[in-house]
Amino acid sequence: LDGNIVLRLSIAAIIHVFYPELMPEIAECINNFAYCPELFISTDSIEKAEQIKLFCSKYPDWVVDIRVVENRGRDIAPMIINFQEVFANYEYVLHLHTKKTIHNSAVANWRKYLFYTLCGTKDIVATNLALLSHEKVGFLFAQNINVYRHNLSWGTRFNNVKRLLARSNIHIFNDTLLEFPTSTMFFAKTSALTKLIQQNIQITDFEPENSQITGTLAHDIETSLLYFVEASGYRWIKVSSNHGNILKINQLNQLDIYLERFVPRLLVRRLEEYKLCTSGVKNHGIVDYFVRKVFNAWQKLLFRCWRINMPINFRVKNIDEL
């Protein structure tokens, strides 16, 4: 896409910096913007804040707001609580954090892949912002890495996410497809996440930090993001550096075709689609049960194949094993 479509946007970058030593990588991302977004940086200690402030002083054109927050809720709590005003004052937001994934060496390069896919070059940033400028698109994130892409499952999260969404009058069901931006790094229109912000979640709602891998409110919010986006009337898209087939989008009107043909709506009930597909067919009892099972299996297969083969992507070299 032509990056000139997007010249100067009202954009903020919300960044949680638990590891200040990774600020050079953050700088590489930010310096790929044609116009530097205003930076809202959180960290968990005064000492770290001083390190970050010293680093940022190297970039006199950066407008930076650094806040020390409680080490609770990881990158999610600062975004929706400490920087809540960003969602009222800016049209677009980039969310990043200094992810290390120290519990799993198999995804050691996960952070670099996400940073690159979202902000790796000036062309990538311009393209992602151009995609997000489409009136229907409210959220853009990186295709999930192989380790997680083929194994996303609700697990024990479903009931928690269901309750969280119900607070905003958003309803999911046991046939709802699952998709979410693993690691919670993304570009978004701030209006696409208004329903989440309006929940007025407090820091005490988040569990104390205990090196949890899953099962926390922060993980539930991560899982729920695309459902908030759809409930706000927007669509979401995935971009990738090295997954699946390359789908070339030259004009924004071509994005409409992609959205309608290849991007599922998560909040559309599979049961309603089943009724449409089997209308006029008389099935009873055990026959209907097996027809429904086959339909559900087909839906999941279709969704998995779409996730593997149809992201909008860039062909990027030197990102290995992802």
Foldseek 3Di string as FASTA:
>chain_A
DDLVVDDDFQEEEEEEEADLVCVVLVVLQQVLEPQGHAYEYEYADPVSQVSNVVVCVVPVSHHYHYYHDHPFLGSPCCVLPVVVCSLVRGFKYWYYYDDQPVVDPLCRCVNVFFSCCQRVHNVNVSVQVVLQPPPQAFKEGAQDAPVPLLPDDCPPLVVVLQVLVVLLPQHDDPLFDWDFHVVPTIMGGSLLCVSVSVVVDDRVQWDPDDPDPDDTVSNSCRRNSQSSNVVSRHHYAHEGAAFADADDDDDNVVVVVCCVPQGDDRSPGLVVVLCVVCPPPDDDDPRVVVSVVVSSVVVVVSNSVSSRHPGHYHHDPDSPSD
